[in-house]
Amino acid sequence: MNTALYAVRCGSRMAAQRSSHMIQRNAMSSSKNTSGMSEAWNAILSRNFSYITFIVLGAITVETIYGGVTNGLWNGMNRGKLYKDIDWSKFQAADEEEEDEDDE
């Protein structure tokens, strides 16, 4: 719309030049973004060692996050039912009384 208004004011030839200049500028800025990603991708895939290292570190990172989330969910859903939640003081008192009776 702005290009059309500009064409009416300045003439179609100048508007066409302006439009082509804007298209070239947009193409250049998008190619800069693409080149940054392609450079990063090439850095990872350029050597077999870097590719395997990337995969191994990625797997360790994902497993750490996934394991932490699933363990947290499991512990939250089973609170009070797990081995670590047992109150051992109840059982120790009963064991001491039985030991005393055996000694007599």
PDB file of N, CA and C in Angstrom:
ATOM      1  N   MET A   1       0.831  -1.180   0.000  1.00  0.00           N
ATOM      2  CA  MET A   1       0.000   0.000   0.000  1.00  0.00           C
ATOM      3  C   MET A   1       0.878   1.246   0.000  1.00  0.00           C
ATOM      4  N   ASN A   2       1.920   1.242   0.829  1.00  0.00           N
ATOM      5  CA  ASN A   2       2.816   2.394   0.869  1.00  0.00           C
ATOM      6  C   ASN A   2       3.530   2.572  -0.467  1.00  0.00           C
ATOM      7  N   THR A   3       3.848   1.468  -1.124  1.00  0.00           N
ATOM      8  CA  THR A   3       4.510   1.539  -2.416  1.00  0.00           C
ATOM      9  C   THR A   3       3.596   2.174  -3.445  1.00  0.00           C
ATOM     10  N   ALA A   4       2.325   1.854  -3.398  1.00  0.00           N
ATOM     11  CA  ALA A   4       1.366   2.425  -4.345  1.00  0.00           C
ATOM     12  C   ALA A   4       1.216   3.929  -4.120  1.00  0.00           C
ATOM     13  N   LEU A   5       1.124   4.343  -2.881  1.00  0.00           N
ATOM     14  CA  LEU A   5       1.015   5.773  -2.589  1.00  0.00           C
ATOM     15  C   LEU A   5       2.279   6.513  -3.012  1.00  0.00           C
ATOM     16  N   TYR A   6       3.413   5.900  -2.786  1.00  0.00           N
ATOM     17  CA  TYR A   6       4.676   6.495  -3.175  1.00  0.00           C
ATOM     18  C   TYR A   6       4.768   6.597  -4.699  1.00  0.00           C
ATOM     19  N   ALA A   7       4.226   5.597  -5.405  1.00  0.00           N
ATOM     20  CA  ALA A   7       4.246   5.612  -6.869  1.00  0.00           C
ATOM     21  C   ALA A   7       3.412   6.757  -7.406  1.00  0.00           C
ATOM     22  N   VAL A   8       2.308   7.012  -6.775  1.00  0.00           N
ATOM     23  CA  VAL A   8       1.445   8.111  -7.230  1.00  0.00           C
ATOM     24  C   VAL A   8       2.158   9.438  -7.033  1.00  0.00           C
ATOM     25  N   ARG A   9       2.831   9.616  -5.923  1.00  0.00           N
ATOM     26  CA  ARG A   9       3.491  10.881  -5.647  1.00  0.00           C
ATOM     27  C   ARG A   9       4.748  11.099  -6.485  1.00  0.00           C
ATOM     28  N   CYS A  10       5.583  10.102  -6.610  1.00  0.00           N
ATOM     29  CA  CYS A  10       6.888  10.298  -7.228  1.00  0.00           C
ATOM     30  C   CYS A  10       7.001   9.738  -8.636  1.00  0.00           C
ATOM     31  N   GLY A  11       6.040   9.053  -9.068  1.00  0.00           N
ATOM     32  CA  GLY A  11       6.131   8.451 -10.391  1.00  0.00           C
ATOM     33  C   GLY A  11       6.453   6.978 -10.263  1.00  0.00           C
ATOM     34  N   SER A  12       6.001   6.222 -11.206  1.00  0.00           N
ATOM     35  CA  SER A  12       6.117   4.774 -11.111  1.00  0.00           C
ATOM     36  C   SER A  12       7.560   4.297 -11.222  1.00  0.00           C
ATOM     37  N   ARG A  13       8.412   5.048 -11.962  1.00  0.00           N
ATOM     38  CA  ARG A  13       9.783   4.608 -12.132  1.00  0.00           C
ATOM     39  C   ARG A  13      10.544   4.652 -10.813  1.00  0.00           C
ATOM     40  N   MET A  14      10.385   5.721 -10.060  1.00  0.00           N
ATOM     41  CA  MET A  14      11.079   5.811  -8.770  1.00  0.00           C
ATOM     42  C   MET A  14      10.519   4.795  -7.779  1.00  0.00           C
ATOM     43  N   ALA A  15       9.214   4.535  -7.849  1.00  0.00           N
ATOM     44  CA  ALA A  15       8.617   3.546  -6.945  1.00  0.00           C
ATOM     45  C   ALA A  15       9.143   2.157  -7.257  1.00  0.00           C
ATOM     46  N   ALA A  16       9.320   1.849  -8.522  1.00  0.00           N
ATOM     47  CA  ALA A  16       9.841   0.550  -8.909  1.00  0.00           C
ATOM     48  C   ALA A  16      11.276   0.382  -8.423  1.00  0.00           C
ATOM     49  N   GLN A  17      12.073   1.452  -8.527  1.00  0.00           N
ATOM     50  CA  GLN A  17      13.449   1.380  -8.040  1.00  0.00           C
ATOM     51  C   GLN A  17      13.470   1.184  -6.523  1.00  0.00           C
ATOM     52  N   ARG A  18      12.584   1.905  -5.845  1.00  0.00           N
ATOM     53  CA  ARG A  18      12.514   1.793  -4.386  1.00  0.00           C
ATOM     54  C   ARG A  18      12.087   0.380  -3.988  1.00  0.00           C
ATOM     55  N   SER A  19      11.115  -0.181  -4.685  1.00  0.00           N
ATOM     56  CA  SER A  19      10.636  -1.525  -4.372  1.00  0.00           C
ATOM     57  C   SER A  19      11.734  -2.563  -4.595  1.00  0.00           C
ATOM     58  N   SER A  20      12.447  -2.437  -5.710  1.00  0.00           N
ATOM     59  CA  SER A  20      13.504  -3.407  -5.978  1.00  0.00           C
ATOM     60  C   SER A  20      14.629  -3.286  -4.956  1.00  0.00           C
ATOM     61  N   HIS A  21      14.907  -2.052  -4.523  1.00  0.00           N
ATOM     62  CA  HIS A  21      15.937  -1.844  -3.502  1.00  0.00           C
ATOM     63  C   HIS A  21      15.508  -2.486  -2.179  1.00  0.00           C
ATOM     64  N   MET A  22      14.234  -2.356  -1.812  1.00  0.00           N
ATOM     65  CA  MET A  22      13.744  -2.942  -0.560  1.00  0.00           C
ATOM     66  C   MET A  22      13.764  -4.466  -0.627  1.00  0.00           C
ATOM     67  N   ILE A  23      13.445  -5.019  -1.790  1.00  0.00           N
ATOM     68  CA  ILE A  23      13.471  -6.468  -1.948  1.00  0.00           C
ATOM     69  C   ILE A  23      14.894  -6.988  -1.801  1.00  0.00           C
ATOM     70  N   GLN A  24      15.859  -6.293  -2.398  1.00  0.00           N
ATOM     71  CA  GLN A  24      17.251  -6.711  -2.288  1.00  0.00           C
ATOM     72  C   GLN A  24      17.731  -6.632  -0.843  1.00  0.00           C
ATOM     73  N   ARG A  25      17.337  -5.562  -0.133  1.00  0.00           N
ATOM     74  CA  ARG A  25      17.744  -5.394   1.254  1.00  0.00           C
ATOM     75  C   ARG A  25      17.150  -6.506   2.124  1.00  0.00           C
ATOM     76  N   ASN A  26      15.880  -6.855   1.892  1.00  0.00           N
ATOM     77  CA  ASN A  26      15.259  -7.935   2.662  1.00  0.00           C
ATOM     78  C   ASN A  26      15.922  -9.267   2.356  1.00  0.00           C
ATOM     79  N   ALA A  27      16.280  -9.470   1.098  1.00  0.00           N
ATOM     80  CA  ALA A  27      16.942 -10.719   0.718  1.00  0.00           C
ATOM     81  C   ALA A  27      18.314 -10.813   1.374  1.00  0.00           C
ATOM     82  N   MET A  28      19.017  -9.710   1.459  1.00  0.00           N
ATOM     83  CA  MET A  28      20.337  -9.719   2.081  1.00  0.00           C
ATOM     84  C   MET A  28      20.233  -9.985   3.579  1.00  0.00           C
ATOM     85  N   SER A  29      19.235  -9.365   4.245  1.00  0.00           N
ATOM     86  CA  SER A  29      19.105  -9.585   5.688  1.00  0.00           C
ATOM     87  C   SER A  29      18.684 -11.007   5.983  1.00  0.00           C
ATOM     88  N   SER A  30      17.837 -11.609   5.147  1.00  0.00           N
ATOM     89  CA  SER A  30      17.457 -12.995   5.386  1.00  0.00           C
ATOM     90  C   SER A  30      18.621 -13.935   5.091  1.00  0.00           C
ATOM     91  N   SER A  31      19.467 -13.576   4.154  1.00  0.00           N
ATOM     92  CA  SER A  31      20.617 -14.438   3.874  1.00  0.00           C
ATOM     93  C   SER A  31      21.634 -14.375   5.007  1.00  0.00           C
ATOM     94  N   LYS A  32      21.716 -13.247   5.721  1.00  0.00           N
ATOM     95  CA  LYS A  32      22.597 -13.156   6.877  1.00  0.00           C
ATOM     96  C   LYS A  32      22.115 -14.096   7.974  1.00  0.00           C
ATOM     97  N   ASN A  33      20.807 -14.142   8.201  1.00  0.00           N
ATOM     98  CA  ASN A  33      20.268 -15.047   9.213  1.00  0.00           C
ATOM     99  C   ASN A  33      20.500 -16.498   8.816  1.00  0.00           C
ATOM    100  N   THR A  34      20.302 -16.793   7.571  1.00  0.00           N
ATOM    101  CA  THR A  34      20.494 -18.151   7.096  1.00  0.00           C
ATOM    102  C   THR A  34      21.960 -18.549   7.189  1.00  0.00           C
ATOM    103  N   SER A  35      22.860 -17.625   6.864  1.00  0.00           N
ATOM    104  CA  SER A  35      24.274 -17.976   6.914  1.00  0.00           C
ATOM    105  C   SER A  35      24.727 -18.251   8.346  1.00  0.00           C
ATOM    106  N   GLY A  36      24.152 -17.555   9.313  1.00  0.00           N
ATOM    107  CA  GLY A  36      24.495 -17.813  10.709  1.00  0.00           C
ATOM    108  C   GLY A  36      24.092 -19.209  11.131  1.00  0.00           C
ATOM    109  N   MET A  37      22.906 -19.616  10.722  1.00  0.00           N
ATOM    110  CA  MET A  37      22.453 -20.964  11.045  1.00  0.00           C
ATOM    111  C   MET A  37      23.254 -22.010  10.286  1.00  0.00           C
ATOM    112  N   SER A  38      23.563 -21.702   9.035  1.00  0.00           N
ATOM    113  CA  SER A  38      24.325 -22.672   8.256  1.00  0.00           C
ATOM    114  C   SER A  38      25.753 -22.802   8.794  1.00  0.00           C
ATOM    115  N   GLU A  39      26.318 -21.717   9.288  1.00  0.00           N
ATOM    116  CA  GLU A  39      27.652 -21.795   9.892  1.00  0.00           C
ATOM    117  C   GLU A  39      27.628 -22.656  11.152  1.00  0.00           C
ATOM    118  N   ALA A  40      26.595 -22.478  11.964  1.00  0.00           N
ATOM    119  CA  ALA A  40      26.478 -23.297  13.175  1.00  0.00           C
ATOM    120  C   ALA A  40      26.280 -24.760  12.804  1.00  0.00           C
ATOM    121  N   TRP A  41      25.451 -25.009  11.815  1.00  0.00           N
ATOM    122  CA  TRP A  41      25.202 -26.380  11.381  1.00  0.00           C
ATOM    123  C   TRP A  41      26.473 -27.010  10.812  1.00  0.00           C
ATOM    124  N   ASN A  42      27.208 -26.218  10.021  1.00  0.00           N
ATOM    125  CA  ASN A  42      28.461 -26.729   9.458  1.00  0.00           C
ATOM    126  C   ASN A  42      29.503 -26.990  10.546  1.00  0.00           C
ATOM    127  N   ALA A  43      29.472 -26.190  11.606  1.00  0.00           N
ATOM    128  CA  ALA A  43      30.416 -26.407  12.699  1.00  0.00           C
ATOM    129  C   ALA A  43      30.131 -27.725  13.408  1.00  0.00           C
ATOM    130  N   ILE A  44      28.858 -28.088  13.475  1.00  0.00           N
ATOM    131  CA  ILE A  44      28.502 -29.345  14.131  1.00  0.00           C
ATOM    132  C   ILE A  44      28.792 -30.521  13.210  1.00  0.00           C
ATOM    133  N   LEU A  45      28.466 -30.388  11.943  1.00  0.00           N
ATOM    134  CA  LEU A  45      28.597 -31.507  11.020  1.00  0.00           C
ATOM    135  C   LEU A  45      29.928 -31.554  10.280  1.00  0.00           C
ATOM    136  N   SER A  46      30.792 -30.610  10.536  1.00  0.00           N
ATOM    137  CA  SER A  46      32.032 -30.549   9.758  1.00  0.00           C
ATOM    138  C   SER A  46      32.953 -31.738  10.018  1.00  0.00           C
ATOM    139  N   ARG A  47      32.928 -32.260  11.232  1.00  0.00           N
ATOM    140  CA  ARG A  47      33.782 -33.397  11.575  1.00  0.00           C
ATOM    141  C   ARG A  47      32.955 -34.446  12.304  1.00  0.00           C
ATOM    142  N   ASN A  48      33.349 -35.652  12.155  1.00  0.00           N
ATOM    143  CA  ASN A  48      32.642 -36.754  12.787  1.00  0.00           C
ATOM    144  C   ASN A  48      32.706 -36.639  14.307  1.00  0.00           C
ATOM    145  N   PHE A  49      33.844 -36.221  14.840  1.00  0.00           N
ATOM    146  CA  PHE A  49      34.003 -36.087  16.287  1.00  0.00           C
ATOM    147  C   PHE A  49      33.023 -35.066  16.861  1.00  0.00           C
ATOM    148  N   SER A  50      32.892 -33.909  16.217  1.00  0.00           N
ATOM    149  CA  SER A  50      31.977 -32.884  16.728  1.00  0.00           C
ATOM    150  C   SER A  50      30.528 -33.330  16.618  1.00  0.00           C
ATOM    151  N   TYR A  51      30.192 -34.075  15.579  1.00  0.00           N
ATOM    152  CA  TYR A  51      28.833 -34.574  15.409  1.00  0.00           C
ATOM    153  C   TYR A  51      28.492 -35.586  16.503  1.00  0.00           C
ATOM    154  N   ILE A  52      29.390 -36.521  16.757  1.00  0.00           N
ATOM    155  CA  ILE A  52      29.145 -37.527  17.793  1.00  0.00           C
ATOM    156  C   ILE A  52      29.109 -36.883  19.175  1.00  0.00           C
ATOM    157  N   THR A  53      29.984 -35.925  19.423  1.00  0.00           N
ATOM    158  CA  THR A  53      29.978 -35.206  20.697  1.00  0.00           C
ATOM    159  C   THR A  53      28.667 -34.462  20.893  1.00  0.00           C
ATOM    160  N   PHE A  54      28.181 -33.827  19.858  1.00  0.00           N
ATOM    161  CA  PHE A  54      26.905 -33.114  19.914  1.00  0.00           C
ATOM    162  C   PHE A  54      25.771 -34.083  20.256  1.00  0.00           C
ATOM    163  N   ILE A  55      25.759 -35.242  19.641  1.00  0.00           N
ATOM    164  CA  ILE A  55      24.701 -36.231  19.885  1.00  0.00           C
ATOM    165  C   ILE A  55      24.784 -36.759  21.317  1.00  0.00           C
ATOM    166  N   VAL A  56      25.988 -37.087  21.785  1.00  0.00           N
ATOM    167  CA  VAL A  56      26.143 -37.646  23.123  1.00  0.00           C
ATOM    168  C   VAL A  56      25.768 -36.614  24.186  1.00  0.00           C
ATOM    169  N   LEU A  57      26.263 -35.396  24.050  1.00  0.00           N
ATOM    170  CA  LEU A  57      25.921 -34.352  25.024  1.00  0.00           C
ATOM    171  C   LEU A  57      24.435 -34.022  24.993  1.00  0.00           C
ATOM    172  N   GLY A  58      23.857 -34.024  23.812  1.00  0.00           N
ATOM    173  CA  GLY A  58      22.414 -33.791  23.700  1.00  0.00           C
ATOM    174  C   GLY A  58      21.623 -34.888  24.379  1.00  0.00           C
ATOM    175  N   ALA A  59      22.033 -36.139  24.206  1.00  0.00           N
ATOM    176  CA  ALA A  59      21.333 -37.255  24.846  1.00  0.00           C
ATOM    177  C   ALA A  59      21.451 -37.184  26.367  1.00  0.00           C
ATOM    178  N   ILE A  60      22.626 -36.833  26.860  1.00  0.00           N
ATOM    179  CA  ILE A  60      22.812 -36.711  28.310  1.00  0.00           C
ATOM    180  C   ILE A  60      21.951 -35.580  28.871  1.00  0.00           C
ATOM    181  N   THR A  61      21.911 -34.461  28.176  1.00  0.00           N
ATOM    182  CA  THR A  61      21.107 -33.326  28.618  1.00  0.00           C
ATOM    183  C   THR A  61      19.621 -33.672  28.639  1.00  0.00           C
ATOM    184  N   VAL A  62      19.144 -34.274  27.568  1.00  0.00           N
ATOM    185  CA  VAL A  62      17.725 -34.632  27.502  1.00  0.00           C
ATOM    186  C   VAL A  62      17.386 -35.663  28.572  1.00  0.00           C
ATOM    187  N   GLU A  63      18.243 -36.644  28.782  1.00  0.00           N
ATOM    188  CA  GLU A  63      17.987 -37.666  29.801  1.00  0.00           C
ATOM    189  C   GLU A  63      17.974 -37.060  31.197  1.00  0.00           C
ATOM    190  N   THR A  64      18.867 -36.128  31.470  1.00  0.00           N
ATOM    191  CA  THR A  64      18.902 -35.488  32.783  1.00  0.00           C
ATOM    192  C   THR A  64      17.612 -34.724  33.047  1.00  0.00           C
ATOM    193  N   ILE A  65      17.176 -33.960  32.077  1.00  0.00           N
ATOM    194  CA  ILE A  65      15.946 -33.181  32.244  1.00  0.00           C
ATOM    195  C   ILE A  65      14.741 -34.113  32.342  1.00  0.00           C
ATOM    196  N   TYR A  66      14.652 -35.068  31.436  1.00  0.00           N
ATOM    197  CA  TYR A  66      13.518 -35.992  31.417  1.00  0.00           C
ATOM    198  C   TYR A  66      13.471 -36.817  32.696  1.00  0.00           C
ATOM    199  N   GLY A  67      14.613 -37.309  33.147  1.00  0.00           N
ATOM    200  CA  GLY A  67      14.663 -38.092  34.375  1.00  0.00           C
ATOM    201  C   GLY A  67      14.251 -37.281  35.593  1.00  0.00           C
ATOM    202  N   GLY A  68      14.699 -36.052  35.668  1.00  0.00           N
ATOM    203  CA  GLY A  68      14.325 -35.202  36.800  1.00  0.00           C
ATOM    204  C   GLY A  68      12.834 -34.911  36.844  1.00  0.00           C
ATOM    205  N   VAL A  69      12.258 -34.662  35.678  1.00  0.00           N
ATOM    206  CA  VAL A  69      10.821 -34.369  35.619  1.00  0.00           C
ATOM    207  C   VAL A  69      10.010 -35.610  35.987  1.00  0.00           C
ATOM    208  N   THR A  70      10.349 -36.759  35.417  1.00  0.00           N
ATOM    209  CA  THR A  70       9.572 -37.967  35.713  1.00  0.00           C
ATOM    210  C   THR A  70       9.746 -38.411  37.165  1.00  0.00           C
ATOM    211  N   ASN A  71      10.949 -38.294  37.724  1.00  0.00           N
ATOM    212  CA  ASN A  71      11.129 -38.634  39.138  1.00  0.00           C
ATOM    213  C   ASN A  71      10.339 -37.695  40.038  1.00  0.00           C
ATOM    214  N   GLY A  72      10.315 -36.433  39.703  1.00  0.00           N
ATOM    215  CA  GLY A  72       9.525 -35.480  40.481  1.00  0.00           C
ATOM    216  C   GLY A  72       8.045 -35.794  40.436  1.00  0.00           C
ATOM    217  N   LEU A  73       7.542 -36.129  39.258  1.00  0.00           N
ATOM    218  CA  LEU A  73       6.127 -36.502  39.142  1.00  0.00           C
ATOM    219  C   LEU A  73       5.829 -37.775  39.929  1.00  0.00           C
ATOM    220  N   TRP A  74       6.697 -38.779  39.823  1.00  0.00           N
ATOM    221  CA  TRP A  74       6.492 -40.040  40.529  1.00  0.00           C
ATOM    222  C   TRP A  74       6.485 -39.819  42.040  1.00  0.00           C
ATOM    223  N   ASN A  75       7.459 -39.067  42.542  1.00  0.00           N
ATOM    224  CA  ASN A  75       7.525 -38.805  43.983  1.00  0.00           C
ATOM    225  C   ASN A  75       6.329 -37.990  44.454  1.00  0.00           C
ATOM    226  N   GLY A  76       5.866 -37.052  43.632  1.00  0.00           N
ATOM    227  CA  GLY A  76       4.706 -36.251  44.004  1.00  0.00           C
ATOM    228  C   GLY A  76       3.422 -37.069  44.059  1.00  0.00           C
ATOM    229  N   MET A  77       3.250 -37.975  43.120  1.00  0.00           N
ATOM    230  CA  MET A  77       2.031 -38.788  43.090  1.00  0.00           C
ATOM    231  C   MET A  77       2.024 -39.875  44.160  1.00  0.00           C
ATOM    232  N   ASN A  78       3.203 -40.313  44.593  1.00  0.00           N
ATOM    233  CA  ASN A  78       3.299 -41.411  45.551  1.00  0.00           C
ATOM    234  C   ASN A  78       3.829 -40.968  46.907  1.00  0.00           C
ATOM    235  N   ARG A  79       3.621 -39.726  47.250  1.00  0.00           N
ATOM    236  CA  ARG A  79       4.111 -39.213  48.529  1.00  0.00           C
ATOM    237  C   ARG A  79       3.462 -39.968  49.688  1.00  0.00           C
ATOM    238  N   GLY A  80       4.269 -40.426  50.603  1.00  0.00           N
ATOM    239  CA  GLY A  80       3.782 -41.169  51.757  1.00  0.00           C
ATOM    240  C   GLY A  80       3.731 -42.667  51.522  1.00  0.00           C
ATOM    241  N   LYS A  81       3.924 -43.117  50.312  1.00  0.00           N
ATOM    242  CA  LYS A  81       3.843 -44.545  49.995  1.00  0.00           C
ATOM    243  C   LYS A  81       5.207 -45.141  49.666  1.00  0.00           C
ATOM    244  N   LEU A  82       6.226 -44.344  49.621  1.00  0.00           N
ATOM    245  CA  LEU A  82       7.536 -44.804  49.182  1.00  0.00           C
ATOM    246  C   LEU A  82       8.393 -45.236  50.371  1.00  0.00           C
ATOM    247  N   TYR A  83       9.437 -45.995  50.098  1.00  0.00           N
ATOM    248  CA  TYR A  83      10.346 -46.495  51.124  1.00  0.00           C
ATOM    249  C   TYR A  83      10.971 -45.355  51.914  1.00  0.00           C
ATOM    250  N   LYS A  84      11.311 -44.304  51.231  1.00  0.00           N
ATOM    251  CA  LYS A  84      11.965 -43.183  51.924  1.00  0.00           C
ATOM    252  C   LYS A  84      11.015 -42.440  52.850  1.00  0.00           C
ATOM    253  N   ASP A  85       9.710 -42.672  52.730  1.00  0.00           N
ATOM    254  CA  ASP A  85       8.729 -41.986  53.568  1.00  0.00           C
ATOM    255  C   ASP A  85       8.365 -42.776  54.834  1.00  0.00           C
ATOM    256  N   ILE A  86       8.932 -43.963  55.021  1.00  0.00           N
ATOM    257  CA  ILE A  86       8.595 -44.800  56.172  1.00  0.00           C
ATOM    258  C   ILE A  86       9.173 -44.180  57.438  1.00  0.00           C
ATOM    259  N   ASP A  87       8.375 -44.136  58.501  1.00  0.00           N
ATOM    260  CA  ASP A  87       8.822 -43.638  59.793  1.00  0.00           C
ATOM    261  C   ASP A  87       9.392 -44.820  60.576  1.00  0.00           C
ATOM    262  N   TRP A  88      10.696 -44.938  60.581  1.00  0.00           N
ATOM    263  CA  TRP A  88      11.355 -46.101  61.182  1.00  0.00           C
ATOM    264  C   TRP A  88      11.355 -46.066  62.708  1.00  0.00           C
ATOM    265  N   SER A  89      11.039 -44.935  63.298  1.00  0.00           N
ATOM    266  CA  SER A  89      11.045 -44.862  64.762  1.00  0.00           C
ATOM    267  C   SER A  89       9.972 -45.769  65.359  1.00  0.00           C
ATOM    268  N   LYS A  90       8.879 -46.013  64.672  1.00  0.00           N
ATOM    269  CA  LYS A  90       7.823 -46.901  65.165  1.00  0.00           C
ATOM    270  C   LYS A  90       8.334 -48.338  65.256  1.00  0.00           C
ATOM    271  N   PHE A  91       9.148 -48.748  64.321  1.00  0.00           N
ATOM    272  CA  PHE A  91       9.621 -50.118  64.281  1.00  0.00           C
ATOM    273  C   PHE A  91      10.810 -50.336  65.211  1.00  0.00           C
ATOM    274  N   GLN A  92      11.610 -49.338  65.450  1.00  0.00           N
ATOM    275  CA  GLN A  92      12.772 -49.487  66.314  1.00  0.00           C
ATOM    276  C   GLN A  92      12.348 -49.697  67.763  1.00  0.00           C
ATOM    277  N   ALA A  93      11.308 -49.025  68.192  1.00  0.00           N
ATOM    278  CA  ALA A  93      10.844 -49.187  69.571  1.00  0.00           C
ATOM    279  C   ALA A  93      10.339 -50.606  69.793  1.00  0.00           C
ATOM    280  N   ALA A  94       9.643 -51.169  68.830  1.00  0.00           N
ATOM    281  CA  ALA A  94       9.138 -52.542  68.968  1.00  0.00           C
ATOM    282  C   ALA A  94      10.285 -53.533  68.968  1.00  0.00           C
ATOM    283  N   ASP A  95      11.308 -53.316  68.205  1.00  0.00           N
ATOM    284  CA  ASP A  95      12.463 -54.214  68.166  1.00  0.00           C
ATOM    285  C   ASP A  95      13.218 -54.208  69.488  1.00  0.00           C
ATOM    286  N   GLU A  96      13.346 -53.079  70.140  1.00  0.00           N
ATOM    287  CA  GLU A  96      14.072 -52.990  71.391  1.00  0.00           C
ATOM    288  C   GLU A  96      13.344 -53.740  72.502  1.00  0.00           C
ATOM    289  N   GLU A  97      12.006 -53.679  72.533  1.00  0.00           N
ATOM    290  CA  GLU A  97      11.246 -54.392  73.547  1.00  0.00           C
ATOM    291  C   GLU A  97      11.401 -55.900  73.374  1.00  0.00           C
ATOM    292  N   GLU A  98      11.391 -56.378  72.144  1.00  0.00           N
ATOM    293  CA  GLU A  98      11.541 -57.802  71.907  1.00  0.00           C
ATOM    294  C   GLU A  98      12.921 -58.293  72.316  1.00  0.00           C
ATOM    295  N   GLU A  99      13.957 -57.499  72.094  1.00  0.00           N
ATOM    296  CA  GLU A  99      15.312 -57.877  72.454  1.00  0.00           C
ATOM    297  C   GLU A  99      15.455 -57.980  73.978  1.00  0.00           C
ATOM    298  N   ASP A 100      14.798 -57.049  74.694  1.00  0.00           N
ATOM    299  CA  ASP A 100      14.869 -57.081  76.145  1.00  0.00           C
ATOM    300  C   ASP A 100      14.193 -58.343  76.696  1.00  0.00           C
ATOM    301  N   GLU A 101      13.122 -58.779  76.126  1.00  0.00           N
ATOM    302  CA  GLU A 101      12.417 -59.973  76.592  1.00  0.00           C
ATOM    303  C   GLU A 101      13.245 -61.229  76.344  1.00  0.00           C
ATOM    304  N   ASP A 102      13.981 -61.247  75.257  1.00  0.00           N
ATOM    305  CA  ASP A 102      14.809 -62.414  74.948  1.00  0.00           C
ATOM    306  C   ASP A 102      15.951 -62.591  75.944  1.00  0.00           C
ATOM    307  N   ASP A 103      16.426 -61.489  76.514  1.00  0.00           N
ATOM    308  CA  ASP A 103      17.555 -61.545  77.424  1.00  0.00           C
ATOM    309  C   ASP A 103      17.176 -62.164  78.762  1.00  0.00           C
ATOM    310  N   GLU A 104      15.942 -62.090  79.160  1.00  0.00           N
ATOM    311  CA  GLU A 104      15.534 -62.568  80.501  1.00  0.00           C
ATOM    312  C   GLU A 104      15.370 -64.010  80.597  1.00  0.00           C
TER     313      GLU A 104
END
